[in-house]
């Protein structure tokens, strides 16, 4: 099953995955190369399928606090 993927910016990524909602946390993950990114020029995007796979592999809790 080859599902077509889309590129997300940081704001869209934060809305879809609350665990990555913090701007500072996301910048640290990008700079330390711990999260998969797609760089187009100076802009940074996140491949939706790669992020889901990364969350599963790293056992990230993707729930909002208090739920």
Protein backbone atom coordinates (compact mmCIF):
# COMPACT_ATOMS: atom_id res chain seq x y z
CA UNK A 1 0.00 0.00 0.00
CA UNK A 2 1.73 3.14 -1.25
CA UNK A 3 -0.16 6.08 0.21
CA UNK A 4 0.64 9.44 -1.33
CA UNK A 5 2.35 11.75 1.13
CA UNK A 6 2.23 15.50 1.58
CA UNK A 7 4.67 18.02 2.95
CA UNK A 8 3.78 19.81 6.17
CA UNK A 9 5.19 23.03 7.56
CA UNK A 10 5.88 23.39 11.29
CA UNK A 11 2.44 24.84 12.03
CA UNK A 12 0.57 22.00 10.29
CA UNK A 13 2.85 19.46 11.97
CA UNK A 14 2.01 20.91 15.40
CA UNK A 15 -1.72 20.68 14.71
CA UNK A 16 -1.57 17.07 13.54
CA UNK A 17 0.90 15.87 16.18
CA UNK A 18 0.53 17.68 19.52
CA UNK A 19 3.76 16.15 20.86
CA UNK A 20 5.62 18.27 18.27
CA UNK A 21 3.69 21.47 18.97
CA UNK A 22 6.51 23.23 20.82
CA UNK A 23 8.54 25.45 18.49
CA UNK A 24 11.69 25.08 20.59
CA UNK A 25 11.42 21.28 20.77
CA UNK A 26 10.91 21.06 17.02
CA UNK A 27 13.89 23.34 16.30
CA UNK A 28 16.09 21.22 18.56
CA UNK A 29 14.99 18.00 16.82
CA UNK A 30 15.73 19.52 13.40
CA UNK A 31 19.13 20.94 14.38
CA UNK A 32 20.23 17.72 16.06
CA UNK A 33 18.99 15.75 13.00
CA UNK A 34 16.77 13.51 15.10
CA UNK A 35 13.64 14.07 13.01
CA UNK A 36 13.28 13.49 9.25
CA UNK A 37 12.99 16.73 7.24
CA UNK A 38 12.67 17.84 3.63
CA UNK A 39 14.64 21.00 2.91
CA UNK A 40 13.61 23.06 -0.11
CA UNK A 41 15.93 26.02 -0.34
CA UNK A 42 16.01 27.52 3.14
CA UNK A 43 12.57 26.23 4.08
CA UNK A 44 12.03 23.10 6.12
CA UNK A 45 9.10 20.77 5.59
CA UNK A 46 8.12 17.44 7.08
CA UNK A 47 6.94 14.45 5.06
CA UNK A 48 3.71 13.26 6.66
CA UNK A 49 4.42 9.53 6.20
CA UNK A 50 8.02 9.82 7.44
CA UNK A 51 6.89 11.70 10.56
CA UNK A 52 4.25 9.06 11.36
CA UNK A 53 6.88 6.34 10.95
CA UNK A 54 9.35 8.30 13.13
CA UNK A 55 6.71 8.75 15.87
CA UNK A 56 5.96 4.99 15.84
CA UNK A 57 9.65 4.02 15.90
CA UNK A 58 10.49 6.40 18.74
CA UNK A 59 7.34 5.62 20.76
CA UNK A 60 6.36 9.28 20.98
CA UNK A 61 3.20 9.94 23.01
CA UNK A 62 1.08 11.85 20.49
CA UNK A 63 -1.73 12.80 22.88
CA UNK A 64 -2.57 16.26 24.17
CA UNK A 65 -1.82 16.71 27.89
CA UNK A 66 -4.84 16.11 30.08
CA UNK A 67 -6.66 13.78 27.69
